[in-house]
Amino acid sequence: MTEERLCKVCAKPFIANKYRPNQTVCSSLECQYNRQLENMKKWRDRNPNYFKYKENQDSSWRDTCRQRSLEWRKKHQEYLKLYREEHRERHRAYMKNYMRDYRKKKGLAGGGESAKS
């Protein structure tokens, strides 16, 4: 019948799923998560250039993308205006936090040099 095996991750005994007779990791969430991470790491090691984008090989790719974007914006001029109106409060909150962080990085937290004069 079915035999008990030791999990490769936690080393606890388990019985393999009948649909996965070669199962080597138990069904606990932690072990499955670790198995997935390990599988992704192995895949990335075998395919190191998979996430290298085409612009790295083709210098005209970036220009093509930029041109496509400009053409889309010309055809959909009202889209950005409507989007901004619909998401005004969220955008304001984002910009407020963004500028606060920017000023901290630049050392302008107190309003800059002009505020002291």
C-alpha atoms as a PDB file:
ATOM      1  CA  MET A   1       0.000   0.000   0.000  1.00  0.00           C
ATOM      2  CA  THR A   2       1.214   3.457   0.858  1.00  0.00           C
ATOM      3  CA  GLU A   3       4.358   3.878   2.833  1.00  0.00           C
ATOM      4  CA  GLU A   4       5.387   6.646   5.149  1.00  0.00           C
ATOM      5  CA  ARG A   5       8.130   8.967   3.990  1.00  0.00           C
ATOM      6  CA  LEU A   6      10.155  11.663   5.658  1.00  0.00           C
ATOM      7  CA  CYS A   7       9.563  15.232   4.528  1.00  0.00           C
ATOM      8  CA  LYS A   8      12.665  16.797   2.970  1.00  0.00           C
ATOM      9  CA  VAL A   9      11.904  20.099   4.709  1.00  0.00           C
ATOM     10  CA  CYS A  10      10.696  19.312   8.217  1.00  0.00           C
ATOM     11  CA  ALA A  11      11.821  15.643   8.430  1.00  0.00           C
ATOM     12  CA  LYS A  12       8.428  14.549   9.782  1.00  0.00           C
ATOM     13  CA  PRO A  13       6.796  11.369   8.480  1.00  0.00           C
ATOM     14  CA  PHE A  14       3.932  11.716   5.984  1.00  0.00           C
ATOM     15  CA  ILE A  15       2.000   9.602   3.497  1.00  0.00           C
ATOM     16  CA  ALA A  16       2.284  10.676  -0.133  1.00  0.00           C
ATOM     17  CA  ASN A  17      -0.806  11.843  -1.960  1.00  0.00           C
ATOM     18  CA  LYS A  18      -2.247   9.082  -4.128  1.00  0.00           C
ATOM     19  CA  TYR A  19      -2.193  11.428  -7.123  1.00  0.00           C
ATOM     20  CA  ARG A  20       1.434  12.375  -6.426  1.00  0.00           C
ATOM     21  CA  PRO A  21       3.206   9.111  -5.638  1.00  0.00           C
ATOM     22  CA  ASN A  22       6.659  10.743  -5.948  1.00  0.00           C
ATOM     23  CA  GLN A  23       5.830  13.422  -3.383  1.00  0.00           C
ATOM     24  CA  THR A  24       8.870  14.276  -1.249  1.00  0.00           C
ATOM     25  CA  VAL A  25       7.500  17.136   0.878  1.00  0.00           C
ATOM     26  CA  CYS A  26       4.589  16.935   3.290  1.00  0.00           C
ATOM     27  CA  SER A  27       1.417  18.975   2.812  1.00  0.00           C
ATOM     28  CA  SER A  28       1.976  21.546   5.552  1.00  0.00           C
ATOM     29  CA  LEU A  29       1.866  25.141   4.350  1.00  0.00           C
ATOM     30  CA  GLU A  30       5.358  25.959   5.596  1.00  0.00           C
ATOM     31  CA  CYS A  31       6.911  22.978   3.841  1.00  0.00           C
ATOM     32  CA  GLN A  32       5.038  23.637   0.605  1.00  0.00           C
ATOM     33  CA  TYR A  33       6.096  27.291   0.718  1.00  0.00           C
ATOM     34  CA  ASN A  34       9.741  26.287   1.180  1.00  0.00           C
ATOM     35  CA  ARG A  35       9.436  23.760  -1.655  1.00  0.00           C
ATOM     36  CA  GLN A  36       8.074  26.447  -3.969  1.00  0.00           C
ATOM     37  CA  LEU A  37      10.852  28.867  -3.056  1.00  0.00           C
ATOM     38  CA  GLU A  38      13.465  26.208  -3.717  1.00  0.00           C
ATOM     39  CA  ASN A  39      11.868  25.309  -7.064  1.00  0.00           C
ATOM     40  CA  MET A  40      11.824  28.964  -8.120  1.00  0.00           C
ATOM     41  CA  LYS A  41      15.459  29.371  -7.123  1.00  0.00           C
ATOM     42  CA  LYS A  42      16.467  26.309  -9.157  1.00  0.00           C
ATOM     43  CA  TRP A  43      14.476  27.557 -12.157  1.00  0.00           C
ATOM     44  CA  ARG A  44      16.101  31.008 -12.008  1.00  0.00           C
ATOM     45  CA  ASP A  45      19.536  29.397 -11.769  1.00  0.00           C
ATOM     46  CA  ARG A  46      18.798  27.341 -14.887  1.00  0.00           C
ATOM     47  CA  ASN A  47      17.332  30.353 -16.757  1.00  0.00           C
ATOM     48  CA  PRO A  48      19.485  33.330 -15.735  1.00  0.00           C
ATOM     49  CA  ASN A  49      18.650  35.509 -18.756  1.00  0.00           C
ATOM     50  CA  TYR A  50      14.886  34.987 -18.757  1.00  0.00           C
ATOM     51  CA  PHE A  51      14.127  38.350 -17.139  1.00  0.00           C
ATOM     52  CA  LYS A  52      16.600  40.299 -19.256  1.00  0.00           C
ATOM     53  CA  TYR A  53      14.365  42.567 -21.264  1.00  0.00           C
ATOM     54  CA  LYS A  54      14.579  43.036 -24.978  1.00  0.00           C
ATOM     55  CA  GLU A  55      15.896  46.597 -24.669  1.00  0.00           C
ATOM     56  CA  ASN A  56      19.181  45.145 -23.452  1.00  0.00           C
ATOM     57  CA  GLN A  57      19.733  43.512 -26.835  1.00  0.00           C
ATOM     58  CA  ASP A  58      17.989  46.031 -29.125  1.00  0.00           C
ATOM     59  CA  SER A  59      18.820  49.733 -28.793  1.00  0.00           C
ATOM     60  CA  SER A  60      15.763  50.776 -30.826  1.00  0.00           C
ATOM     61  CA  TRP A  61      13.374  48.921 -28.500  1.00  0.00           C
ATOM     62  CA  ARG A  62      13.175  51.794 -25.994  1.00  0.00           C
ATOM     63  CA  ASP A  63      12.449  54.313 -28.767  1.00  0.00           C
ATOM     64  CA  THR A  64       9.754  52.049 -30.167  1.00  0.00           C
ATOM     65  CA  CYS A  65       8.097  51.743 -26.759  1.00  0.00           C
ATOM     66  CA  ARG A  66       8.261  55.509 -26.221  1.00  0.00           C
ATOM     67  CA  GLN A  67       6.694  56.176 -29.622  1.00  0.00           C
ATOM     68  CA  ARG A  68       3.919  53.656 -28.989  1.00  0.00           C
ATOM     69  CA  SER A  69       3.187  55.322 -25.655  1.00  0.00           C
ATOM     70  CA  LEU A  70       3.036  58.807 -27.217  1.00  0.00           C
ATOM     71  CA  GLU A  71       0.654  57.598 -29.918  1.00  0.00           C
ATOM     72  CA  TRP A  72      -1.621  56.000 -27.314  1.00  0.00           C
ATOM     73  CA  ARG A  73      -1.708  59.233 -25.294  1.00  0.00           C
ATOM     74  CA  LYS A  74      -2.649  61.225 -28.400  1.00  0.00           C
ATOM     75  CA  LYS A  75      -5.550  58.856 -29.113  1.00  0.00           C
ATOM     76  CA  HIS A  76      -6.722  58.861 -25.467  1.00  0.00           C
ATOM     77  CA  GLN A  77      -6.191  62.459 -24.345  1.00  0.00           C
ATOM     78  CA  GLU A  78      -9.171  62.479 -21.992  1.00  0.00           C
ATOM     79  CA  TYR A  79      -8.138  59.297 -20.179  1.00  0.00           C
ATOM     80  CA  LEU A  80      -5.499  60.854 -17.935  1.00  0.00           C
ATOM     81  CA  LYS A  81      -7.729  63.840 -17.115  1.00  0.00           C
ATOM     82  CA  LEU A  82     -10.660  61.578 -16.149  1.00  0.00           C
ATOM     83  CA  TYR A  83      -8.392  59.250 -14.176  1.00  0.00           C
ATOM     84  CA  ARG A  84      -6.938  62.126 -12.181  1.00  0.00           C
ATOM     85  CA  GLU A  85     -10.386  63.501 -11.396  1.00  0.00           C
ATOM     86  CA  GLU A  86     -11.588  60.092 -10.242  1.00  0.00           C
ATOM     87  CA  HIS A  87      -8.540  59.431  -8.041  1.00  0.00           C
ATOM     88  CA  ARG A  88      -7.812  62.978  -6.869  1.00  0.00           C
ATOM     89  CA  GLU A  89      -7.673  62.319  -3.113  1.00  0.00           C
ATOM     90  CA  ARG A  90      -5.497  59.251  -3.457  1.00  0.00           C
ATOM     91  CA  HIS A  91      -3.099  61.134  -5.723  1.00  0.00           C
ATOM     92  CA  ARG A  92      -2.932  64.094  -3.333  1.00  0.00           C
ATOM     93  CA  ALA A  93      -2.135  61.819  -0.396  1.00  0.00           C
ATOM     94  CA  TYR A  94       0.521  60.048  -2.456  1.00  0.00           C
ATOM     95  CA  MET A  95       2.140  63.310  -3.571  1.00  0.00           C
ATOM     96  CA  LYS A  96       2.045  64.712  -0.029  1.00  0.00           C
ATOM     97  CA  ASN A  97       3.955  61.690   1.286  1.00  0.00           C
ATOM     98  CA  TYR A  98       6.267  61.647  -1.719  1.00  0.00           C
ATOM     99  CA  MET A  99       7.239  65.297  -1.297  1.00  0.00           C
ATOM    100  CA  ARG A 100       7.669  64.873   2.461  1.00  0.00           C
ATOM    101  CA  ASP A 101      10.123  62.016   1.855  1.00  0.00           C
ATOM    102  CA  TYR A 102      11.848  63.971  -0.928  1.00  0.00           C
ATOM    103  CA  ARG A 103      12.368  66.981   1.315  1.00  0.00           C
ATOM    104  CA  LYS A 104      13.755  64.776   4.097  1.00  0.00           C
ATOM    105  CA  LYS A 105      16.267  63.258   1.693  1.00  0.00           C
ATOM    106  CA  LYS A 106      17.290  66.655   0.372  1.00  0.00           C
ATOM    107  CA  GLY A 107      17.446  68.238   3.839  1.00  0.00           C
ATOM    108  CA  LEU A 108      14.617  70.646   3.136  1.00  0.00           C
ATOM    109  CA  ALA A 109      12.333  69.511   5.953  1.00  0.00           C
ATOM    110  CA  GLY A 110      11.924  72.977   7.519  1.00  0.00           C
ATOM    111  CA  GLY A 111      10.941  74.673   4.271  1.00  0.00           C
ATOM    112  CA  GLY A 112      14.473  75.141   3.013  1.00  0.00           C
ATOM    113  CA  GLU A 113      16.874  78.060   3.272  1.00  0.00           C
ATOM    114  CA  SER A 114      14.312  80.633   2.125  1.00  0.00           C
ATOM    115  CA  ALA A 115      12.017  79.920   5.101  1.00  0.00           C
ATOM    116  CA  LYS A 116      14.734  80.984   7.568  1.00  0.00           C
ATOM    117  CA  SER A 117      15.255  84.447   6.045  1.00  0.00           C
END
